[in-house]
Each structure stands twice: as structure tokens, then as C-alpha cells.
Amino acid sequence: MSSPATPTHGQATDVRIAEVVAACKRYGGSSIIALAGVPGTGKSHIGRIAAQRVAGDPLRVREVQFHQSTTYEEFVEGLRIDASGAIVQEPGLFLEWNDLALDNPELKWVLLIEELSRANVSAVLGELMTFVEDRNRPFTATYSRRPIRVAPNLVLLATYNPSDRSALDIDNALLRRLRVINFPADSGQLADMLAAQLPANVMTRLSGLFSSIEQQHPDDFQDLMPFGHGIFAEVRQESPDLHELWRERIRHMLRRPLVQPHPFTDAIEAAYPWRDPEYAEP
């Protein structure tokens, strides 16, 4: 019996998925594969699909979202109080998944970390900062004192927004362990999402929005564009969807009370024709 065909997500999207899968297979045994892009550039969507393809089974993919209060004790291992009131050592999410990978070396396992830079990454990863790239060397766990080796068949895949202020705190020690794949806004993936729902003239104007901003801000477009093509994912028709998207989401990203407007505000306002609810194509 032939194996089922790999589902397609559109030409441009499939190219990005394949790129991430290839990086995971080539470098996932010694680096953290990091997908970097502003919100709405598809990095989480593509990361989940790629993770499942690398693992070969969604049950061997685990997701965690970092935040400001994420700790080493949660992620690697810590101390807990059990039902009897005793203090016991308990593995964190990473060690649980790593142990499964060590026990099943013939299989691939993936840990997908969303919003990597939101946490104090150096503190959360602890010893992993050193041993994620040298997986033949065991380290001694802080609380259990047991020797631990990072499984060579465990892939660490992460996403982060390089424009977050917290991303500026990523130090050089962590950057050396990252393989960064950039995810800019992409008109090809935009077409993959919407070409079946919207007429060609509307798609042309939507794609023109991104190309216009990139032409005006070529050096900063990738890192400072306030949104990516994914912001249009729920659009099903030109009106009222594109008008409501402006009114309810986009304009609030550009102009906020008591805060300087986004540096691309004037360019985005000029390039987005659906700001006027009475807009009609000439």
C-alpha cells in the first residue's frame, strides 16, 4: 500500500515548511532552530506543521509557551511539596520530554517553544545553554543531582518576535546555540491563504501593501513591520472584512494613546485603501 501524499498548504507555505523541516533534520541535534518574525508571519503555524513532520507523529510533539514568569524549576526541574507535605524533586517539562526521547532513541521527538524570548532564557535553560550543542556530555541536574544527557533525537524548535523588547536581552551565549530562520511578511503565503476567497484585484492591492512598505523602509521592514500576512487569515470577503480589520485591529497597532505612532504609520495608512468605510474601487 502506498503512503498517503503529504498535504499541501500552498506553494509558498510549503517552501517555508520544507525549509524548517530541513533545518531541524540537519541541525536539530546540536542547535535550537529558531523561527524569528513579527506577529502574523506564519512562524507558529509553520512551526507546528514542521514539528509534526520531523517527529512523524503529533504525539511526539509537545508545545510550551514561555512568558515572563517561566522558571528553570518549571522547565528543567524543581522542588514541589507533595500530598504529605514533604519536599520532593520533580522533573520539569523539558526533562520529561527528554527522558522519553532517551528511552526511544530510534524515534524523533520535538519540543516546540513559543515566544522563546519572553522569558529570561539564560536562567530558564540553565545548564542546557552549554549541553544542547554537545549531547555526548552529561550534566548534573541541580536538584536531583542525577546525570542527564540531552537526547540527540530531541529537536528544540522555537519561535520569537525580534522586535519585542525582551528579544534584545538574548545574550551572545544563547545566540551561538540558535539557528535563526527569518520569517518576514510574505505575499506568497498571503496568496496561499486568500486567493480562493478574494478576487485578483483585491489580492493585488493587499500584496501591494507589503511591497510598498518594504520599498519605503527596506532596512527596517523585516523587523519593524507591525504585522504580517497572517493578520488577514480571517478575511473572507473584501467588505466588510477589510474595513473591520482596519477599524478593530490594525489602526490600534499604529496609533495608541500616550504613545508615539508606529514609525510606519503614515506609509501603512497611505497604502491601505479600506480605511474609509465608504471605499469603493474606482
Protein backbone atom coordinates (compact mmCIF):
# COMPACT_ATOMS: atom_id res chain seq x y z
CA MET A 1 0.00 0.00 0.00
CA SER A 2 1.43 3.42 -0.93
CA SER A 3 1.88 6.03 1.77
CA PRO A 4 -0.55 8.97 1.76
CA ALA A 5 0.60 12.11 -0.03
CA THR A 6 1.90 14.95 2.11
CA PRO A 7 -0.87 17.57 2.36
CA THR A 8 -0.16 20.85 0.59
CA HIS A 9 -0.69 24.23 2.24
CA GLY A 10 0.04 26.32 -0.84
CA GLN A 11 3.23 26.73 -2.83
CA ALA A 12 4.90 29.47 -0.78
CA THR A 13 3.85 27.96 2.55
CA ASP A 14 5.11 24.51 1.54
CA VAL A 15 8.51 26.02 0.70
CA ARG A 16 8.81 27.53 4.19
CA ILE A 17 7.68 24.29 5.86
CA ALA A 18 10.29 22.34 3.89
CA GLU A 19 12.96 24.86 4.89
CA VAL A 20 12.20 24.41 8.59
CA VAL A 21 12.00 20.62 8.32
CA ALA A 22 15.39 20.55 6.57
CA ALA A 23 16.97 22.74 9.26
CA CYS A 24 15.57 20.53 12.02
CA LYS A 25 16.90 17.39 10.38
CA ARG A 26 20.32 18.87 9.66
CA TYR A 27 20.96 20.93 12.77
CA GLY A 28 18.35 19.86 15.32
CA GLY A 29 20.81 17.55 17.07
CA SER A 30 23.10 20.38 18.14
CA SER A 31 21.22 23.70 17.92
CA ILE A 32 17.91 25.32 18.76
CA ILE A 33 16.06 26.00 15.50
CA ALA A 34 14.53 29.47 15.98
CA LEU A 35 11.86 30.99 13.74
CA ALA A 36 12.05 34.78 14.04
CA GLY A 37 9.39 37.16 12.81
CA VAL A 38 6.87 39.80 13.80
CA PRO A 39 3.31 38.70 14.71
CA GLY A 40 1.34 37.24 11.84
CA THR A 41 4.22 35.99 9.70
CA GLY A 42 3.19 32.34 10.00
CA LYS A 43 6.06 31.15 12.16
CA SER A 44 3.86 29.39 14.73
CA HIS A 45 1.64 27.80 12.06
CA ILE A 46 4.60 26.59 10.04
CA GLY A 47 6.48 25.56 13.17
CA ARG A 48 3.64 23.24 14.25
CA ILE A 49 3.38 21.61 10.83
CA ALA A 50 7.15 21.21 10.54
CA ALA A 51 7.38 19.78 14.08
CA GLN A 52 4.86 17.07 13.24
CA ARG A 53 6.65 16.19 10.02
CA VAL A 54 10.00 15.94 11.78
CA ALA A 55 8.58 13.80 14.59
CA GLY A 56 6.43 11.71 12.27
CA ASP A 57 3.68 11.59 14.89
CA PRO A 58 1.86 14.51 16.58
CA LEU A 59 2.04 12.59 19.86
CA ARG A 60 5.80 13.10 19.83
CA VAL A 61 5.46 16.88 19.61
CA ARG A 62 5.00 18.93 22.75
CA GLU A 63 4.37 22.68 22.88
CA VAL A 64 5.17 25.15 25.63
CA GLN A 65 4.79 28.94 25.65
CA PHE A 66 7.37 30.95 27.54
CA HIS A 67 6.33 34.06 29.44
CA GLN A 68 7.93 36.47 31.88
CA SER A 69 7.39 34.24 34.89
CA THR A 70 8.63 30.99 33.30
CA THR A 71 11.33 29.50 35.54
CA TYR A 72 14.07 26.87 35.45
CA GLU A 73 12.08 24.93 38.02
CA GLU A 74 9.11 24.69 35.63
CA PHE A 75 11.10 23.93 32.52
CA VAL A 76 14.02 21.75 33.67
CA GLU A 77 13.41 20.55 37.23
CA GLY A 78 12.44 21.90 40.61
CA LEU A 79 11.16 21.15 44.08
CA ARG A 80 7.49 20.54 44.89
CA ILE A 81 5.50 19.86 48.04
CA ASP A 82 3.67 16.53 47.78
CA ALA A 83 0.38 15.48 49.39
CA SER A 84 2.13 14.53 52.63
CA GLY A 85 3.82 17.92 52.92
CA ALA A 86 7.24 16.59 52.02
CA ILE A 87 9.52 18.47 49.61
CA VAL A 88 10.28 16.31 46.59
CA GLN A 89 12.26 16.79 43.40
CA GLU A 90 10.12 16.83 40.25
CA PRO A 91 11.23 16.97 36.61
CA GLY A 92 10.07 19.90 34.52
CA LEU A 93 8.59 19.78 31.05
CA PHE A 94 11.96 19.55 29.32
CA LEU A 95 13.27 16.66 31.39
CA GLU A 96 10.01 14.74 30.97
CA TRP A 97 10.23 15.03 27.18
CA ASN A 98 13.99 14.47 27.12
CA ASP A 99 13.62 11.24 29.14
CA LEU A 100 11.06 9.95 26.64
CA ALA A 101 13.46 10.71 23.80
CA LEU A 102 16.33 8.95 25.59
CA ASP A 103 14.12 5.89 26.19
CA ASN A 104 13.11 5.78 22.49
CA PRO A 105 16.29 6.65 20.58
CA GLU A 106 15.00 5.30 17.27
CA LEU A 107 12.27 7.98 17.14
CA LYS A 108 12.36 11.74 16.71
CA TRP A 109 10.85 13.95 19.42
CA VAL A 110 10.19 17.69 19.14
CA LEU A 111 9.76 20.31 21.82
CA LEU A 112 8.21 23.47 20.32
CA ILE A 113 8.85 26.57 22.43
CA GLU A 114 6.61 29.52 21.55
CA GLU A 115 7.69 33.07 22.45
CA LEU A 116 11.21 31.99 23.38
CA SER A 117 12.43 35.49 24.19
CA ARG A 118 9.58 36.37 26.55
CA ALA A 119 11.32 34.53 29.41
CA ASN A 120 14.74 35.13 30.94
CA VAL A 121 16.05 32.47 28.60
CA SER A 122 19.52 32.04 30.09
CA ALA A 123 18.05 31.48 33.54
CA VAL A 124 15.27 29.17 32.32
CA LEU A 125 17.56 26.94 30.26
CA GLY A 126 20.29 26.82 32.88
CA GLU A 127 22.81 24.07 32.05
CA LEU A 128 21.09 23.40 28.71
CA MET A 129 22.77 26.52 27.35
CA THR A 130 26.00 24.53 27.21
CA PHE A 131 24.87 20.98 26.72
CA VAL A 132 22.26 21.42 23.98
CA GLU A 133 25.08 21.57 21.44
CA ASP A 134 27.29 18.84 22.94
CA ARG A 135 24.91 15.99 23.59
CA ASN A 136 27.54 13.39 24.37
CA ARG A 137 28.41 15.18 27.61
CA PRO A 138 26.11 14.67 30.61
CA PHE A 139 25.45 17.40 33.16
CA THR A 140 24.43 17.09 36.78
CA ALA A 141 20.87 18.26 37.43
CA THR A 142 20.59 21.00 40.05
CA TYR A 143 18.04 19.34 42.34
CA SER A 144 18.06 15.60 41.64
CA ARG A 145 21.86 15.51 41.15
CA ARG A 146 21.42 12.82 38.54
CA PRO A 147 23.50 12.87 35.36
CA ILE A 148 21.47 13.99 32.35
CA ARG A 149 22.36 13.97 28.68
CA VAL A 150 20.35 15.97 26.16
CA ALA A 151 18.87 13.37 23.80
CA PRO A 152 20.40 13.52 20.31
CA ASN A 153 16.98 12.66 18.86
CA LEU A 154 15.24 15.58 20.59
CA VAL A 155 14.73 18.66 18.41
CA LEU A 156 14.24 22.03 20.10
CA LEU A 157 12.20 24.27 17.80
CA ALA A 158 11.33 27.80 18.94
CA THR A 159 9.60 30.97 17.78
CA TYR A 160 10.18 34.57 18.82
CA ASN A 161 9.47 38.14 17.79
CA PRO A 162 12.76 40.01 17.21
CA SER A 163 11.02 43.36 17.72
CA ASP A 164 9.99 42.51 21.29
CA ARG A 165 11.98 44.45 23.84
CA SER A 166 12.61 41.16 25.61
CA ALA A 167 14.36 39.85 22.49
CA LEU A 168 17.05 42.48 23.00
CA ASP A 169 18.05 40.64 26.17
CA ILE A 170 19.04 37.47 24.29
CA ASP A 171 22.74 37.21 25.03
CA ASN A 172 25.56 36.02 22.80
CA ALA A 173 25.79 32.69 24.59
CA LEU A 174 22.24 31.84 23.52
CA LEU A 175 22.64 33.27 20.02
CA ARG A 176 25.51 30.84 19.44
CA ARG A 177 23.10 27.97 20.09
CA LEU A 178 20.42 29.26 17.72
CA ARG A 179 19.91 28.58 14.05
CA VAL A 180 17.71 31.56 13.14
CA ILE A 181 15.30 31.34 10.19
CA ASN A 182 13.76 34.72 9.41
CA PHE A 183 10.03 34.99 8.74
CA PRO A 184 9.14 38.30 7.07
CA ALA A 185 5.67 39.20 5.82
CA ASP A 186 5.21 37.18 2.64
CA SER A 187 2.83 37.97 -0.23
CA GLY A 188 3.18 34.39 -1.47
CA GLN A 189 1.83 32.96 1.79
CA LEU A 190 -0.83 35.67 1.72
CA ALA A 191 -1.96 34.31 -1.65
CA ASP A 192 -1.90 30.75 -0.29
CA MET A 193 -4.36 31.83 2.41
CA LEU A 194 -6.73 34.07 0.49
CA ALA A 195 -6.54 33.58 -3.29
CA ALA A 196 -9.53 31.22 -3.21
CA GLN A 197 -11.68 33.75 -1.30
CA LEU A 198 -10.77 37.14 -2.75
CA PRO A 199 -10.75 38.42 -6.34
CA ALA A 200 -7.42 39.03 -8.03
CA ASN A 201 -7.66 42.82 -7.89
CA VAL A 202 -8.09 42.74 -4.10
CA MET A 203 -5.18 40.32 -3.72
CA THR A 204 -3.01 42.66 -5.81
CA ARG A 205 -3.78 45.59 -3.50
CA LEU A 206 -3.15 43.52 -0.38
CA SER A 207 0.19 42.34 -1.69
CA GLY A 208 0.96 45.91 -2.69
CA LEU A 209 0.56 46.99 0.92
CA PHE A 210 3.59 44.94 1.98
CA SER A 211 5.70 45.72 -1.09
CA SER A 212 5.03 49.46 -0.67
CA ILE A 213 6.16 49.47 2.96
CA GLU A 214 9.23 47.39 2.15
CA GLN A 215 10.24 49.80 -0.62
CA GLN A 216 9.92 52.77 1.73
CA HIS A 217 11.61 51.10 4.70
CA PRO A 218 13.94 48.45 3.21
CA ASP A 219 16.31 48.30 6.19
CA ASP A 220 13.65 48.02 8.90
CA PHE A 221 10.78 46.25 7.16
CA GLN A 222 11.56 42.71 8.30
CA ASP A 223 11.98 43.53 11.99
CA LEU A 224 9.66 46.51 12.48
CA MET A 225 6.60 45.83 10.32
CA PRO A 226 3.86 45.77 13.00
CA PHE A 227 2.02 42.80 11.46
CA GLY A 228 2.47 40.11 8.84
CA HIS A 229 0.26 38.44 6.26
CA GLY A 230 -1.36 36.29 8.96
CA ILE A 231 -3.40 39.24 10.18
CA PHE A 232 -5.60 38.67 7.11
CA ALA A 233 -6.24 34.99 7.88
CA GLU A 234 -9.90 35.53 8.82
CA VAL A 235 -10.75 37.68 5.79
CA ARG A 236 -13.37 36.01 3.60
CA GLN A 237 -14.61 38.95 1.54
CA GLU A 238 -13.44 42.45 0.77
CA SER A 239 -16.33 44.21 2.50
CA PRO A 240 -16.88 44.40 5.38
CA ASP A 241 -13.93 42.24 6.44
CA LEU A 242 -11.06 44.50 5.35
CA HIS A 243 -12.80 47.61 6.71
CA GLU A 244 -13.47 45.96 10.06
CA LEU A 245 -9.93 44.63 10.24
CA TRP A 246 -8.64 48.18 9.96
CA ARG A 247 -11.11 49.58 12.47
CA GLU A 248 -10.79 46.81 15.04
CA ARG A 249 -7.13 45.75 14.82
CA ILE A 250 -4.69 47.49 12.51
CA ARG A 251 -5.25 51.11 13.49
CA HIS A 252 -4.79 50.20 17.15
CA MET A 253 -1.35 48.79 16.35
CA LEU A 254 -0.32 52.05 14.71
CA ARG A 255 -1.73 54.75 16.99
CA ARG A 256 -2.13 54.28 20.73
CA PRO A 257 -2.97 56.93 23.34
CA LEU A 258 0.09 58.48 25.03
CA VAL A 259 2.47 56.52 22.79
CA GLN A 260 4.34 57.71 19.72
CA PRO A 261 2.78 56.37 16.49
CA HIS A 262 4.49 53.39 14.90
CA PRO A 263 7.25 54.58 12.50
CA PHE A 264 5.44 53.00 9.53
CA THR A 265 2.07 54.59 10.37
CA ASP A 266 1.93 57.15 7.56
CA ALA A 267 3.09 54.64 4.95
CA ILE A 268 0.59 51.97 6.05
CA GLU A 269 -2.30 54.45 6.18
CA ALA A 270 -1.47 55.62 2.67
CA ALA A 271 -1.21 52.06 1.31
CA TYR A 272 -4.34 50.60 2.95
CA PRO A 273 -7.40 51.65 0.91
CA TRP A 274 -10.02 50.09 3.21
CA ARG A 275 -9.71 52.69 5.98
CA ASP A 276 -12.73 54.55 4.60
CA PRO A 277 -15.94 52.56 5.21
CA GLU A 278 -17.39 54.09 2.09
CA TYR A 279 -14.43 52.96 -0.04
CA ALA A 280 -15.29 51.60 -3.45
CA GLU A 281 -12.85 50.69 -6.17
CA PRO A 282 -12.72 53.41 -8.82
